[in-house]
Amino acid sequence: MSDDDRAVRRTGLGMMLLFWLLFIAAGSWWFHGFLDDQRNPNAHLVNAVGGESESIVLERSRSGHFMATGRINGEPVEFLLDTGATYVAVPSALAERLGLERTGSAWFNTANGRVRGDLTRLDEVSLGGFAAKDVRGSISPGLEGDVALMGMSFLNRFDIEIRDARMVLRPAETR
């Protein structure tokens, strides 16, 4: 085999190796996005602007929960919608990052038992183009990670309809 043939062969092997590396990288990037969509199919709501529609339609995640990305005081936050939670409950680390002020303490009954946490006021909470000012919240040391619970202090402003794998939130009618 001549030197030219070896050079061509090495170039071909290098090109094939580069192709497979790019293919694996692109596949990994796509699969990561696919997994994120399965975990939080409503992440796009963080970019919604007020007045776009009369309702918010949420898709159930693969785990069976309603996850959505909204904002607290203008900062993007991933929420687990929890109609059993009284307040918008924020993990301690996230509360520090958002600069939330503690306004008192309270005991909370949670799925994991009775825990002590702090109360706070959220200047603004928004989801899917709808925003609420001066929302009651709690800083919960038992919550881990960066996922906050979106409780009834925000959700009570909506009529909530759950059917199959969808939750529809409409502004509550004034009575």
Protein backbone atom coordinates (compact mmCIF):
# COMPACT_ATOMS: atom_id res chain seq x y z
CA MET A 1 0.00 0.00 0.00
CA SER A 2 1.47 3.37 -1.00
CA ASP A 3 1.78 6.42 1.23
CA ASP A 4 -0.98 8.15 -0.75
CA ASP A 5 -3.34 5.22 -0.16
CA ARG A 6 -2.56 5.27 3.58
CA ALA A 7 -3.19 9.03 3.75
CA VAL A 8 -6.54 8.63 1.97
CA ARG A 9 -7.46 5.78 4.30
CA ARG A 10 -6.55 7.80 7.42
CA THR A 11 -8.55 10.76 6.12
CA GLY A 12 -11.53 8.48 5.48
CA LEU A 13 -11.30 6.97 8.97
CA GLY A 14 -10.99 10.45 10.48
CA MET A 15 -14.07 11.63 8.58
CA MET A 16 -16.04 8.55 9.68
CA LEU A 17 -14.97 9.09 13.30
CA LEU A 18 -15.98 12.76 13.08
CA PHE A 19 -19.36 11.79 11.58
CA TRP A 20 -20.09 9.34 14.41
CA LEU A 21 -19.00 11.81 17.10
CA LEU A 22 -21.29 14.49 15.65
CA PHE A 23 -24.11 11.97 15.26
CA ILE A 24 -23.81 10.87 18.91
CA ALA A 25 -23.58 14.48 20.13
CA ALA A 26 -26.66 15.52 18.13
CA GLY A 27 -28.55 12.43 19.32
CA SER A 28 -27.64 13.14 22.95
CA TRP A 29 -28.72 16.78 22.60
CA TRP A 30 -32.05 15.74 21.04
CA PHE A 31 -32.68 13.01 23.63
CA HIS A 32 -31.96 15.43 26.50
CA GLY A 33 -34.53 17.84 25.03
CA PHE A 34 -36.98 14.97 24.63
CA LEU A 35 -36.57 14.00 28.29
CA ASP A 36 -37.04 17.62 29.39
CA ASP A 37 -40.27 17.80 27.36
CA GLN A 38 -41.49 14.60 29.04
CA ARG A 39 -40.72 16.01 32.51
CA ASN A 40 -42.09 19.52 31.88
CA PRO A 41 -44.23 19.71 28.73
CA ASN A 42 -45.31 23.26 29.67
CA ALA A 43 -41.87 24.91 29.81
CA HIS A 44 -42.84 27.21 26.92
CA LEU A 45 -45.27 29.11 29.18
CA VAL A 46 -42.40 31.07 30.71
CA ASN A 47 -42.24 33.19 27.54
CA ALA A 48 -45.98 33.86 27.23
CA VAL A 49 -47.05 37.49 27.29
CA GLY A 50 -50.20 38.72 29.04
CA GLY A 51 -53.44 38.93 27.12
CA GLU A 52 -52.60 36.22 24.60
CA SER A 53 -55.60 34.04 25.36
CA GLU A 54 -58.52 33.53 27.68
CA SER A 55 -57.13 30.33 29.21
CA ILE A 56 -53.97 28.37 29.93
CA VAL A 57 -53.88 24.73 28.84
CA LEU A 58 -51.38 22.53 30.65
CA GLU A 59 -50.35 19.05 29.59
CA ARG A 60 -49.73 16.38 32.22
CA SER A 61 -46.09 15.28 32.47
CA ARG A 62 -45.02 11.70 31.96
CA SER A 63 -44.94 11.28 35.76
CA GLY A 64 -48.61 12.29 35.96
CA HIS A 65 -48.08 15.76 37.44
CA PHE A 66 -48.76 19.19 36.03
CA MET A 67 -45.41 20.96 35.70
CA ALA A 68 -45.01 24.40 34.17
CA THR A 69 -42.40 27.09 33.97
CA GLY A 70 -43.55 30.52 35.09
CA ARG A 71 -41.96 33.44 36.90
CA ILE A 72 -41.60 34.74 40.44
CA ASN A 73 -40.69 38.43 40.58
CA GLY A 74 -39.65 38.24 36.92
CA GLU A 75 -37.29 35.26 37.36
CA PRO A 76 -38.04 31.93 35.60
CA VAL A 77 -39.13 29.21 38.03
CA GLU A 78 -40.30 25.66 37.41
CA PHE A 79 -43.57 24.93 39.21
CA LEU A 80 -45.37 21.79 40.27
CA LEU A 81 -49.05 22.77 40.34
CA ASP A 82 -50.46 21.61 43.67
CA THR A 83 -54.11 22.33 44.45
CA GLY A 84 -53.50 20.86 47.92
CA ALA A 85 -50.91 23.49 48.82
CA THR A 86 -52.13 26.66 50.52
CA TYR A 87 -49.31 28.91 49.35
CA VAL A 88 -46.79 29.15 46.56
CA ALA A 89 -44.07 27.16 48.35
CA VAL A 90 -40.48 27.95 47.46
CA PRO A 91 -37.42 25.87 48.45
CA SER A 92 -34.94 27.67 50.74
CA ALA A 93 -32.13 27.79 48.18
CA LEU A 94 -34.45 29.23 45.51
CA ALA A 95 -35.81 31.79 48.00
CA GLU A 96 -32.27 32.97 48.68
CA ARG A 97 -31.51 33.21 44.97
CA LEU A 98 -34.71 35.24 44.43
CA GLY A 99 -33.97 37.45 47.44
CA LEU A 100 -37.28 36.70 49.16
CA GLU A 101 -37.82 38.35 52.51
CA ARG A 102 -39.07 36.25 55.41
CA THR A 103 -42.07 37.91 57.08
CA GLY A 104 -42.83 35.37 59.81
CA SER A 105 -42.86 31.67 60.53
CA ALA A 106 -45.56 29.02 60.57
CA TRP A 107 -46.15 25.29 60.84
CA PHE A 108 -47.28 23.48 57.70
CA ASN A 109 -48.93 20.08 57.30
CA THR A 110 -47.29 18.39 54.31
CA ALA A 111 -47.31 14.95 52.77
CA ASN A 112 -44.10 14.33 54.75
CA GLY A 113 -45.59 15.45 58.05
CA ARG A 114 -45.63 18.68 60.01
CA VAL A 115 -42.78 21.11 59.23
CA ARG A 116 -41.85 24.62 60.23
CA GLY A 117 -41.30 27.16 57.48
CA ASP A 118 -41.29 30.87 56.85
CA LEU A 119 -43.92 33.09 55.31
CA THR A 120 -43.15 35.56 52.53
CA ARG A 121 -44.84 37.84 50.00
CA LEU A 122 -44.14 37.43 46.31
CA ASP A 123 -44.37 40.72 44.42
CA GLU A 124 -45.55 38.96 41.27
CA VAL A 125 -46.19 35.41 40.13
CA SER A 126 -46.93 34.73 36.48
CA LEU A 127 -47.85 31.72 34.40
CA GLY A 128 -48.75 31.57 30.73
CA GLY A 129 -49.32 35.30 30.37
CA PHE A 130 -51.42 35.66 33.54
CA ALA A 131 -49.86 37.50 36.45
CA ALA A 132 -50.89 38.10 40.06
CA LYS A 133 -49.43 40.73 42.36
CA ASP A 134 -48.76 40.40 46.09
CA VAL A 135 -49.09 36.61 46.31
CA ARG A 136 -48.73 34.89 49.67
CA GLY A 137 -45.92 32.37 49.75
CA SER A 138 -43.91 30.15 52.02
CA ILE A 139 -40.25 29.28 52.20
CA SER A 140 -40.12 25.55 52.84
CA PRO A 141 -36.88 24.01 54.05
CA GLY A 142 -38.21 20.52 53.26
CA LEU A 143 -38.38 21.20 49.53
CA GLU A 144 -35.27 20.36 47.58
CA GLY A 145 -34.02 21.52 44.22
CA ASP A 146 -35.37 24.48 42.28
CA VAL A 147 -38.98 23.35 41.80
CA ALA A 148 -41.58 25.44 43.62
CA LEU A 149 -45.11 24.33 44.46
CA MET A 150 -47.75 26.53 42.88
CA GLY A 151 -50.44 26.50 45.54
CA MET A 152 -53.85 28.01 45.94
CA SER A 153 -52.62 31.51 46.85
CA PHE A 154 -52.07 31.82 43.08
CA LEU A 155 -54.40 29.15 41.68
CA ASN A 156 -57.50 30.45 43.51
CA ARG A 157 -57.61 33.23 40.92
CA PHE A 158 -58.61 30.66 38.29
CA ASP A 159 -61.42 28.30 37.47
CA ILE A 160 -59.64 24.95 37.20
CA GLU A 161 -60.80 22.13 34.93
CA ILE A 162 -58.94 18.83 34.80
CA ARG A 163 -59.90 16.34 32.15
CA ASP A 164 -57.77 13.41 30.99
CA ALA A 165 -54.20 14.65 30.60
CA ARG A 166 -55.03 18.37 30.52
CA MET A 167 -55.59 21.11 33.04
CA VAL A 168 -57.28 24.29 31.85
CA LEU A 169 -56.97 27.46 33.90
CA ARG A 170 -59.38 30.32 33.17
CA PRO A 171 -59.54 33.57 35.12
CA ALA A 172 -62.20 33.14 37.78
CA GLU A 173 -65.46 34.87 37.07
CA THR A 174 -66.21 37.67 39.48
CA ARG A 175 -69.39 36.95 41.36
